[in-house]
Amino acid sequence: MAKRKKSTFERLQKGEGNRQQRRELQRQLNAAEPGLEVVHRDAAGIDIGNASHFVAVPPDRDPEPVREFGSWTADLKRMAAWLKGCGIRTVAMQSTGVYWIAVQEVLEQEGLEVYLVNARGTKNLPGRKSDVQECQWLMKLHTYGLLRNSFRPPDNIRAVRTIWRLRDRCVVAAGRCIQQIQKALTTMNVQLANTISDVGGVTGLAIIRAIVRGVRDPWELAGLRDRRVAASEEEIAHGLQGNWREDVLFELDQVVQEYDFHHARIADCDEKLESYMAALPTRRMAAEEPAAASSKRGRRRNCPNFDLRGALQRVLGVDVTAVDSIDVLTGEVLLSEVGPDLSAFPTENHFAAWLLLTPRQEVSGGRVIRHVRAEGSSRLANALRMAAQSLSHSDSYLGARYRSLRGRLGAPRANKAMARYLACLLYRLLTKGEAYVDRGAEQYEKRRTEQDRRALERKAAAHGLKLVPVAQT
């Protein structure tokens, strides 16, 4: 009979462990001193795992400087007590999945400082990581101040972020339902999508719900047309003469119910989001302006059913929607991902680099030898890229700037460059509290013309020539 494999809980309760891990745990760091200044003397390192975590403290703090603790809450509290008993004040660990969240919360509740570091910041540092345990390696790097703490917004902002991300997933799921509805209608040759522009609008949903209820008369269905629809009832009726298949109608009914389910969840998220937003403190800036009653843009689909723009202006201290292409949805992504306080970023360049909107520089001998594309993704950066794309037909200073970038760099690079500019602009608004004022497309074109003129004058002077205006010839 095969021997039952012990669970992690049973193994740790009996003090057992993997033999290879035990041998590695006994191996000490290299005896040679690296010659670096000790920044965090009371430092520890934690190797985060799914079932258990390995923790390392300095060898002089405990006869067993490396221990394994389980992932359940009781063992996490035992880990915190052991660290405090060893005189540890600060702990470094990598952001592995979501397993680190519970560890950080327990340690911070016990008064320990937690450094959450990115794995990309440790793999290229000098040393022989393969000769030591991961937790010992993190402890060593943290002792000499070689790790950077990751930015995390406060708890109240993280609560808003959780609800907003959940709501976004529901919106995406509802959008997939609309695609499935269009597929079912096309399968039955119901050409509703060719007569009205939005199947998920008032007219489209009214007709679809009537079809699910059993209405088949095309003229009766066309009579549900909203007066704002450009197509006539006759055009809509001709497109509604379909081949009604029982199996596809059943599928359509199920998808409509799923669509309604997701929208009910969106309404629940809106209610919870409104309560969390109301609990956030009001931020008063030096140049604060009263919140406007309504947005300069019409209410977009998928917007929350409360005054999100007013809540954003109250929490952020400025009206970020005054910036062309920044709507309330992008503003909410900004709030939920970073919050109103950007003091963790010294400059706007640091903020743009954190968003992965700037290339990484490789320096050798004090000179930049090349720029490397930053790897990774950011929800706020993606939202800013989408905002940049909407500037293609904007008659504003930002629109003129985007069109100029797109003409010189191409659309993909222009989207990223404009997203970086928008990030820097939002950083200035949140740190300085000044209201945004659009200078207009004409102002940008005038400035660009002046820059081109000065560049031509420099080129002519380099060749011993001089530019003469046409009016003077």
Protein backbone atom coordinates (compact mmCIF):
# COMPACT_ATOMS: atom_id res chain seq x y z
CA MET A 1 0.00 0.00 0.00
CA ALA A 2 1.39 3.38 -1.00
CA LYS A 3 2.46 5.60 1.84
CA ARG A 4 0.30 8.69 2.25
CA LYS A 5 2.09 11.95 1.53
CA LYS A 6 2.15 14.23 4.55
CA SER A 7 0.69 17.70 4.26
CA THR A 8 2.78 20.77 4.88
CA PHE A 9 0.98 21.30 8.17
CA GLU A 10 1.78 17.78 9.41
CA ARG A 11 5.39 18.00 8.27
CA LEU A 12 6.02 21.33 10.01
CA GLN A 13 4.17 20.32 13.16
CA LYS A 14 6.56 17.34 13.55
CA GLY A 15 9.65 19.38 12.68
CA GLU A 16 10.29 17.49 9.47
CA GLY A 17 11.47 18.96 6.17
CA ASN A 18 12.88 18.20 2.80
CA ARG A 19 16.40 16.76 3.16
CA GLN A 20 17.85 18.81 0.36
CA GLN A 21 16.32 21.96 1.80
CA ARG A 22 17.69 21.08 5.23
CA ARG A 23 21.19 20.74 3.81
CA GLU A 24 20.86 24.06 2.06
CA LEU A 25 19.57 25.70 5.22
CA GLN A 26 22.77 24.71 7.04
CA ARG A 27 24.98 26.34 4.44
CA GLN A 28 26.21 29.73 5.55
CA LEU A 29 26.89 32.81 3.57
CA ASN A 30 30.41 33.36 2.31
CA ALA A 31 32.70 34.34 5.15
CA ALA A 32 34.34 37.16 3.20
CA GLU A 33 32.86 40.57 3.96
CA PRO A 34 31.51 42.30 0.86
CA GLY A 35 32.87 45.65 1.99
CA LEU A 36 29.50 47.44 1.88
CA GLU A 37 27.97 49.78 4.41
CA VAL A 38 25.41 48.16 6.68
CA VAL A 39 22.15 50.06 6.24
CA HIS A 40 19.67 47.75 8.01
CA ARG A 41 21.42 45.95 10.83
CA ASP A 42 18.27 44.32 12.23
CA ALA A 43 17.13 42.84 8.90
CA ALA A 44 15.58 39.52 7.93
CA GLY A 45 14.59 37.90 4.65
CA ILE A 46 11.56 35.79 3.80
CA ASP A 47 11.22 33.40 0.87
CA ILE A 48 7.49 33.44 0.14
CA GLY A 49 5.84 30.20 -0.90
CA ASN A 50 2.40 28.71 -1.30
CA ALA A 51 2.35 26.21 1.59
CA SER A 52 5.25 27.51 3.69
CA HIS A 53 7.73 30.36 4.02
CA PHE A 54 11.46 30.24 4.80
CA VAL A 55 12.75 33.02 7.07
CA ALA A 56 16.39 33.98 7.64
CA VAL A 57 17.83 36.18 10.40
CA PRO A 58 21.51 37.07 11.09
CA PRO A 59 23.48 34.04 12.36
CA ASP A 60 24.22 35.69 15.72
CA ARG A 61 20.52 36.17 16.56
CA ASP A 62 19.46 32.53 16.91
CA PRO A 63 21.10 29.08 17.00
CA GLU A 64 18.82 28.17 14.06
CA PRO A 65 19.02 31.31 11.87
CA VAL A 66 16.82 29.87 9.10
CA ARG A 67 13.40 28.46 9.86
CA GLU A 68 10.39 27.31 7.92
CA PHE A 69 6.92 28.49 8.88
CA GLY A 70 3.55 27.43 7.54
CA SER A 71 1.22 29.69 5.60
CA TRP A 72 -1.69 29.51 8.09
CA THR A 73 -2.36 32.49 10.32
CA ALA A 74 -1.24 30.85 13.56
CA ASP A 75 2.19 30.09 12.10
CA LEU A 76 2.46 33.59 10.64
CA LYS A 77 1.93 35.00 14.11
CA ARG A 78 4.54 32.58 15.45
CA MET A 79 6.90 33.83 12.74
CA ALA A 80 6.34 37.44 13.82
CA ALA A 81 6.98 36.56 17.47
CA TRP A 82 10.21 34.77 16.55
CA LEU A 83 11.41 37.73 14.47
CA LYS A 84 10.69 40.17 17.30
CA GLY A 85 12.45 37.84 19.72
CA CYS A 86 15.51 37.94 17.47
CA GLY A 87 15.53 41.73 17.54
CA ILE A 88 14.43 42.11 13.92
CA ARG A 89 12.93 45.44 12.91
CA THR A 90 12.71 45.25 9.12
CA VAL A 91 11.93 42.35 6.78
CA ALA A 92 12.40 41.96 3.02
CA MET A 93 10.34 39.66 0.82
CA GLN A 94 9.45 39.36 -2.84
CA SER A 95 5.99 39.95 -4.26
CA THR A 96 5.22 36.34 -5.17
CA GLY A 97 1.68 36.08 -6.50
CA VAL A 98 -0.75 37.01 -3.73
CA TYR A 99 0.87 34.79 -1.09
CA TRP A 100 2.81 37.73 0.38
CA ILE A 101 -0.29 39.75 1.30
CA ALA A 102 -1.20 37.78 4.42
CA VAL A 103 2.45 37.72 5.55
CA GLN A 104 2.80 41.46 5.20
CA GLU A 105 -0.43 42.20 7.04
CA VAL A 106 0.50 40.00 10.01
CA LEU A 107 4.05 41.41 10.25
CA GLU A 108 2.88 45.02 9.99
CA GLN A 109 0.28 44.42 12.67
CA GLU A 110 3.14 43.30 14.94
CA GLY A 111 5.04 46.55 14.26
CA LEU A 112 7.65 45.21 11.82
CA GLU A 113 8.70 47.21 8.76
CA VAL A 114 8.14 45.20 5.59
CA TYR A 115 10.03 45.80 2.34
CA LEU A 116 8.12 44.40 -0.61
CA VAL A 117 10.64 44.08 -3.44
CA ASN A 118 10.35 43.19 -7.10
CA ALA A 119 12.19 40.07 -8.25
CA ARG A 120 13.65 42.05 -11.17
CA GLY A 121 15.53 44.15 -8.62
CA THR A 122 17.39 41.15 -7.17
CA LYS A 123 18.29 38.91 -10.09
CA ASN A 124 20.92 41.24 -11.59
CA LEU A 125 22.70 42.18 -8.38
CA PRO A 126 26.24 40.81 -7.87
CA GLY A 127 26.57 37.66 -5.80
CA ARG A 128 26.06 33.91 -5.96
CA LYS A 129 22.41 33.39 -5.19
CA SER A 130 22.63 29.69 -6.10
CA ASP A 131 24.94 29.02 -3.15
CA VAL A 132 22.53 30.25 -0.51
CA GLN A 133 18.86 30.06 0.29
CA GLU A 134 16.56 32.69 -1.20
CA CYS A 135 15.67 34.03 2.24
CA GLN A 136 19.35 34.38 3.18
CA TRP A 137 20.04 36.15 -0.09
CA LEU A 138 17.22 38.64 0.51
CA MET A 139 18.41 39.22 4.07
CA LYS A 140 21.95 39.94 2.85
CA LEU A 141 20.82 42.35 0.14
CA HIS A 142 18.46 44.13 2.53
CA THR A 143 21.16 44.44 5.19
CA TYR A 144 23.33 46.44 2.82
CA GLY A 145 20.46 48.55 1.49
CA LEU A 146 20.48 47.05 -2.01
CA LEU A 147 16.70 46.59 -2.23
CA ARG A 148 14.06 49.16 -3.07
CA ASN A 149 10.69 49.08 -1.41
CA SER A 150 7.74 48.82 -3.79
CA PHE A 151 5.06 51.50 -3.81
CA ARG A 152 1.76 50.50 -2.22
CA PRO A 153 -1.19 52.84 -1.76
CA PRO A 154 -2.87 53.11 1.67
CA ASP A 155 -5.45 50.60 2.85
CA ASN A 156 -8.45 52.79 2.01
CA ILE A 157 -7.20 53.24 -1.56
CA ARG A 158 -6.54 49.51 -1.89
CA ALA A 159 -10.16 48.87 -0.90
CA VAL A 160 -11.31 51.16 -3.72
CA ARG A 161 -8.91 49.39 -6.08
CA THR A 162 -10.36 45.98 -5.22
CA ILE A 163 -13.92 47.06 -5.99
CA TRP A 164 -12.93 48.95 -9.14
CA ARG A 165 -11.02 45.98 -10.56
CA LEU A 166 -13.94 43.68 -9.74
CA ARG A 167 -16.30 46.10 -11.47
CA ASP A 168 -14.03 46.22 -14.52
CA ARG A 169 -14.12 42.44 -14.79
CA CYS A 170 -17.92 42.54 -14.69
CA VAL A 171 -17.97 45.18 -17.44
CA VAL A 172 -15.69 43.03 -19.60
CA ALA A 173 -17.90 39.99 -19.00
CA ALA A 174 -21.01 41.99 -19.95
CA GLY A 175 -19.26 43.08 -23.15
CA ARG A 176 -18.59 39.45 -24.05
CA CYS A 177 -22.31 38.76 -23.59
CA ILE A 178 -23.14 41.43 -26.18
CA GLN A 179 -20.77 39.71 -28.62
CA GLN A 180 -22.48 36.38 -27.99
CA ILE A 181 -25.88 38.01 -28.52
CA GLN A 182 -24.73 39.39 -31.88
CA LYS A 183 -23.45 35.95 -32.87
CA ALA A 184 -26.77 34.30 -31.97
CA LEU A 185 -28.75 36.90 -33.95
CA THR A 186 -26.47 36.53 -36.99
CA THR A 187 -26.83 32.74 -36.81
CA MET A 188 -30.60 33.21 -37.18
CA ASN A 189 -30.02 35.87 -39.89
CA VAL A 190 -31.54 38.59 -37.73
CA GLN A 191 -29.66 41.60 -39.11
CA LEU A 192 -30.20 43.89 -36.13
CA ALA A 193 -26.55 44.95 -35.97
CA ASN A 194 -26.70 46.21 -39.58
CA THR A 195 -29.60 48.56 -38.92
CA ILE A 196 -28.74 50.04 -35.53
CA SER A 197 -25.24 50.98 -34.45
CA ASP A 198 -25.41 49.61 -30.90
CA VAL A 199 -27.08 46.30 -30.16
CA GLY A 200 -26.53 46.91 -26.45
CA GLY A 201 -28.39 50.24 -26.55
CA VAL A 202 -31.98 51.03 -25.58
CA THR A 203 -33.51 49.92 -28.88
CA GLY A 204 -31.32 46.87 -29.32
CA LEU A 205 -31.94 45.47 -25.84
CA ALA A 206 -35.67 46.19 -26.06
CA ILE A 207 -35.92 44.20 -29.31
CA ILE A 208 -33.75 41.35 -27.98
CA ARG A 209 -35.80 41.03 -24.80
CA ALA A 210 -38.97 40.96 -26.86
CA ILE A 211 -37.52 38.16 -29.01
CA VAL A 212 -36.70 36.19 -25.87
CA ARG A 213 -40.29 36.67 -24.67
CA GLY A 214 -41.57 35.10 -27.90
CA VAL A 215 -42.33 38.06 -30.17
CA ARG A 216 -41.59 37.17 -33.81
CA ASP A 217 -43.51 39.81 -35.81
CA PRO A 218 -40.80 42.08 -37.34
CA TRP A 219 -43.09 45.14 -37.40
CA GLU A 220 -44.01 44.68 -33.75
CA LEU A 221 -40.33 44.40 -32.90
CA ALA A 222 -39.48 47.44 -35.02
CA GLY A 223 -42.14 49.40 -33.12
CA LEU A 224 -39.80 49.29 -30.08
CA ARG A 225 -37.45 51.64 -31.92
CA ASP A 226 -36.28 54.64 -29.92
CA ARG A 227 -36.99 57.96 -31.61
CA ARG A 228 -33.26 58.84 -31.57
CA VAL A 229 -32.33 55.90 -33.82
CA ALA A 230 -31.45 57.02 -37.34
CA ALA A 231 -32.86 53.91 -39.05
CA SER A 232 -36.58 53.88 -39.81
CA GLU A 233 -39.04 51.25 -38.59
CA GLU A 234 -39.23 49.84 -42.10
CA GLU A 235 -35.46 49.34 -42.29
CA ILE A 236 -35.40 47.68 -38.88
CA ALA A 237 -38.37 45.43 -39.74
CA HIS A 238 -36.67 44.16 -42.91
CA GLY A 239 -33.63 43.19 -40.84
CA LEU A 240 -35.72 41.30 -38.28
CA GLN A 241 -37.11 38.64 -40.63
CA GLY A 242 -34.94 35.81 -39.37
CA ASN A 243 -34.80 32.04 -39.27
CA TRP A 244 -35.99 31.38 -35.73
CA ARG A 245 -34.14 28.32 -34.43
CA GLU A 246 -35.21 26.89 -31.08
CA ASP A 247 -31.70 25.95 -29.97
CA VAL A 248 -30.26 29.38 -30.78
CA LEU A 249 -33.21 31.11 -29.10
CA PHE A 250 -32.47 29.10 -25.96
CA GLU A 251 -28.84 30.19 -26.16
CA LEU A 252 -29.96 33.81 -26.62
CA ASP A 253 -32.18 33.57 -23.54
CA GLN A 254 -29.29 32.24 -21.44
CA VAL A 255 -26.90 34.95 -22.63
CA VAL A 256 -29.43 37.70 -21.87
CA GLN A 257 -29.83 36.34 -18.34
CA GLU A 258 -26.05 36.29 -17.96
CA TYR A 259 -25.88 39.87 -19.23
CA ASP A 260 -28.46 40.95 -16.65
CA PHE A 261 -26.55 39.09 -13.94
CA HIS A 262 -23.32 40.96 -14.69
CA HIS A 263 -25.12 44.30 -14.70
CA ALA A 264 -26.68 43.48 -11.34
CA ARG A 265 -23.16 42.82 -10.02
CA ILE A 266 -22.01 46.13 -11.53
CA ALA A 267 -24.80 47.90 -9.64
CA ASP A 268 -23.67 46.22 -6.41
CA CYS A 269 -20.09 47.33 -7.08
CA ASP A 270 -21.28 50.89 -7.70
CA GLU A 271 -23.04 50.92 -4.34
CA LYS A 272 -19.97 49.62 -2.52
CA LEU A 273 -17.66 51.93 -4.48
CA GLU A 274 -19.77 54.96 -3.60
CA SER A 275 -19.55 54.13 0.11
CA TYR A 276 -15.77 53.65 -0.07
CA MET A 277 -15.32 56.88 -2.02
CA ALA A 278 -17.44 58.78 0.51
CA ALA A 279 -15.20 57.50 3.32
CA LEU A 280 -12.03 58.86 1.70
CA PRO A 281 -10.77 62.15 3.17
CA THR A 282 -11.23 65.42 1.31
CA ARG A 283 -8.01 66.75 -0.17
CA ARG A 284 -7.68 70.51 -0.22
CA MET A 285 -5.07 71.99 -2.51
CA ALA A 286 -3.78 75.54 -2.72
CA ALA A 287 -5.65 76.26 -5.95
CA GLU A 288 -8.77 74.28 -5.18
CA GLU A 289 -11.88 74.99 -7.24
CA PRO A 290 -15.47 74.00 -6.44
CA ALA A 291 -16.64 70.78 -8.07
CA ALA A 292 -18.74 71.22 -11.19
CA ALA A 293 -22.27 69.93 -11.26
CA SER A 294 -21.78 67.88 -14.42
CA SER A 295 -18.96 66.67 -16.60
CA LYS A 296 -17.89 68.56 -19.69
CA ARG A 297 -18.52 65.29 -21.56
CA GLY A 298 -21.72 63.35 -21.70
CA ARG A 299 -22.20 60.42 -19.38
CA ARG A 300 -20.31 57.50 -20.85
CA ARG A 301 -21.60 53.97 -20.93
CA ASN A 302 -20.35 51.81 -18.08
CA CYS A 303 -19.93 54.85 -15.83
CA PRO A 304 -21.00 54.34 -12.20
CA ASN A 305 -24.51 55.48 -11.36
CA PHE A 306 -23.39 58.19 -8.91
CA ASP A 307 -21.52 61.49 -9.22
CA LEU A 308 -18.09 60.00 -9.75
CA ARG A 309 -16.62 63.20 -11.13
CA GLY A 310 -17.54 65.18 -8.03
CA ALA A 311 -16.20 62.44 -5.77
CA LEU A 312 -12.93 62.35 -7.73
CA GLN A 313 -12.47 66.10 -7.50
CA ARG A 314 -13.11 66.02 -3.76
CA VAL A 315 -10.64 63.19 -3.09
CA LEU A 316 -7.92 64.20 -5.56
CA GLY A 317 -8.17 67.92 -4.82
CA VAL A 318 -8.20 68.83 -8.53
CA ASP A 319 -10.44 68.18 -11.51
CA VAL A 320 -8.38 65.74 -13.59
CA THR A 321 -11.24 65.43 -16.11
CA ALA A 322 -10.44 68.99 -17.22
CA VAL A 323 -7.51 67.46 -19.11
CA ASP A 324 -8.62 66.57 -22.61
CA SER A 325 -8.96 62.75 -23.09
CA ILE A 326 -9.04 62.12 -19.30
CA ASP A 327 -12.58 61.06 -18.41
CA VAL A 328 -14.02 59.90 -15.11
CA LEU A 329 -13.17 56.27 -15.80
CA THR A 330 -9.49 57.09 -16.35
CA GLY A 331 -9.57 59.33 -13.28
CA GLU A 332 -10.95 56.47 -11.19
CA VAL A 333 -8.17 54.19 -12.44
CA LEU A 334 -5.68 56.86 -11.34
CA LEU A 335 -7.22 57.05 -7.88
CA SER A 336 -7.58 53.29 -7.38
CA GLU A 337 -4.06 52.44 -8.55
CA VAL A 338 -1.95 55.18 -6.90
CA GLY A 339 -4.25 57.38 -4.81
CA PRO A 340 -4.14 61.17 -4.42
CA ASP A 341 -0.73 61.33 -2.71
CA LEU A 342 2.21 60.99 -5.11
CA SER A 343 4.89 62.03 -2.63
CA ALA A 344 6.46 58.57 -2.94
CA PHE A 345 7.67 59.62 -6.40
CA PRO A 346 10.29 62.42 -6.18
CA THR A 347 9.68 63.70 -9.72
CA GLU A 348 7.33 63.20 -12.62
CA ASN A 349 10.05 61.18 -14.35
CA HIS A 350 10.08 58.70 -11.47
CA PHE A 351 6.29 58.43 -11.73
CA ALA A 352 6.44 57.77 -15.49
CA ALA A 353 9.19 55.19 -14.98
CA TRP A 354 7.11 53.41 -12.33
CA LEU A 355 4.30 53.21 -14.90
CA LEU A 356 6.78 51.59 -17.33
CA LEU A 357 6.24 54.40 -19.82
CA THR A 358 9.93 55.22 -20.14
CA PRO A 359 12.66 52.94 -21.52
CA ARG A 360 15.29 51.54 -19.20
CA GLN A 361 18.76 52.98 -19.71
CA GLU A 362 21.86 50.79 -19.83
CA VAL A 363 24.86 52.83 -18.68
CA SER A 364 28.52 51.90 -19.10
CA GLY A 365 31.38 54.16 -18.12
CA GLY A 366 28.99 56.98 -17.27
CA ARG A 367 27.48 56.93 -20.77
CA VAL A 368 24.09 55.68 -21.91
CA ILE A 369 24.84 52.92 -24.41
CA ARG A 370 21.25 51.99 -25.27
CA HIS A 371 17.62 52.16 -24.21
CA VAL A 372 15.77 48.94 -23.43
CA ARG A 373 12.01 48.60 -23.41
CA ALA A 374 10.64 48.21 -19.90
CA GLU A 375 8.99 44.84 -19.37
CA GLY A 376 5.70 44.53 -17.51
CA SER A 377 2.23 46.04 -17.57
CA SER A 378 0.32 48.66 -15.63
CA ARG A 379 -3.42 49.24 -15.56
CA LEU A 380 -2.95 52.99 -15.27
CA ALA A 381 -0.46 53.03 -18.16
CA ASN A 382 -2.92 51.09 -20.34
CA ALA A 383 -5.68 53.55 -19.46
CA LEU A 384 -3.41 56.47 -20.39
CA ARG A 385 -2.55 54.83 -23.72
CA MET A 386 -6.24 54.55 -24.52
CA ALA A 387 -6.71 58.18 -23.51
CA ALA A 388 -3.86 59.17 -25.84
CA GLN A 389 -5.53 57.43 -28.78
CA SER A 390 -8.69 59.48 -28.27
CA LEU A 391 -6.72 62.67 -28.99
CA SER A 392 -6.40 61.95 -32.71
CA HIS A 393 -9.29 64.30 -33.63
CA SER A 394 -9.15 66.62 -30.63
CA ASP A 395 -8.96 70.34 -31.37
CA SER A 396 -6.78 71.04 -28.35
CA TYR A 397 -3.15 71.55 -27.41
CA LEU A 398 -2.84 67.88 -26.45
CA GLY A 399 -4.53 66.79 -29.68
CA ALA A 400 -2.09 68.81 -31.79
CA ARG A 401 0.83 67.40 -29.83
CA TYR A 402 -0.39 63.82 -30.32
CA ARG A 403 -0.88 64.27 -34.07
CA SER A 404 2.63 65.68 -34.34
CA LEU A 405 4.08 62.70 -32.44
CA ARG A 406 2.12 60.23 -34.53
CA GLY A 407 3.38 61.79 -37.75
CA ARG A 408 7.01 61.53 -36.62
CA LEU A 409 7.00 58.29 -34.58
CA GLY A 410 4.08 56.23 -35.82
CA ALA A 411 0.95 55.31 -33.86
CA PRO A 412 2.35 52.73 -31.35
CA ARG A 413 5.30 54.85 -30.22
CA ALA A 414 3.20 58.01 -30.25
CA ASN A 415 0.60 56.38 -27.98
CA LYS A 416 3.27 55.52 -25.43
CA ALA A 417 4.97 58.92 -25.67
CA MET A 418 1.66 60.73 -25.26
CA ALA A 419 0.68 58.46 -22.36
CA ARG A 420 3.92 59.45 -20.65
CA TYR A 421 3.14 63.13 -21.22
CA LEU A 422 -0.34 62.65 -19.73
CA ALA A 423 1.20 60.87 -16.72
CA CYS A 424 3.57 63.79 -16.14
CA LEU A 425 0.67 66.23 -16.53
CA LEU A 426 -1.42 64.36 -13.95
CA TYR A 427 1.59 64.30 -11.60
CA ARG A 428 1.85 68.10 -11.81
CA LEU A 429 -1.87 68.53 -11.16
CA LEU A 430 -1.85 66.26 -8.08
CA THR A 431 1.36 67.69 -6.60
CA LYS A 432 0.89 71.38 -7.37
CA GLY A 433 -2.91 71.59 -7.20
CA GLU A 434 -3.17 73.92 -10.19
CA ALA A 435 -6.19 73.77 -12.48
CA TYR A 436 -5.53 72.64 -16.03
CA VAL A 437 -6.10 75.19 -18.79
CA ASP A 438 -6.03 74.12 -22.44
CA ARG A 439 -3.86 76.38 -24.58
CA GLY A 440 -5.46 75.24 -27.82
CA ALA A 441 -4.14 73.55 -30.95
CA GLU A 442 -3.18 76.90 -32.48
CA GLN A 443 -0.80 77.61 -29.62
CA TYR A 444 0.96 74.28 -30.13
CA GLU A 445 1.28 74.81 -33.89
CA LYS A 446 2.69 78.27 -33.30
CA ARG A 447 5.22 76.89 -30.83
CA ARG A 448 6.16 74.05 -33.20
CA THR A 449 6.66 76.51 -36.08
CA GLU A 450 8.94 78.62 -33.94
CA GLN A 451 10.99 75.56 -32.96
CA ASP A 452 11.36 74.54 -36.61
CA ARG A 453 12.47 78.06 -37.54
CA ARG A 454 15.16 78.12 -34.86
CA ALA A 455 16.38 74.67 -35.94
CA LEU A 456 16.69 75.81 -39.55
CA GLU A 457 18.56 78.92 -38.46
CA ARG A 458 21.05 76.78 -36.54
CA LYS A 459 21.61 74.51 -39.54
CA ALA A 460 22.09 77.50 -41.85
CA ALA A 461 24.55 79.12 -39.43
CA ALA A 462 26.54 75.87 -39.25
CA HIS A 463 27.07 76.10 -43.03
CA GLY A 464 27.85 79.82 -43.01
CA LEU A 465 24.42 80.79 -44.36
CA LYS A 466 21.60 82.97 -43.13
CA LEU A 467 17.86 82.55 -43.47
CA VAL A 468 15.94 85.45 -45.01
CA PRO A 469 12.14 85.64 -44.67
CA VAL A 470 10.23 85.50 -47.94
CA ALA A 471 8.56 88.84 -47.25
CA GLN A 472 11.97 90.55 -47.27
CA THR A 473 13.14 89.13 -50.61
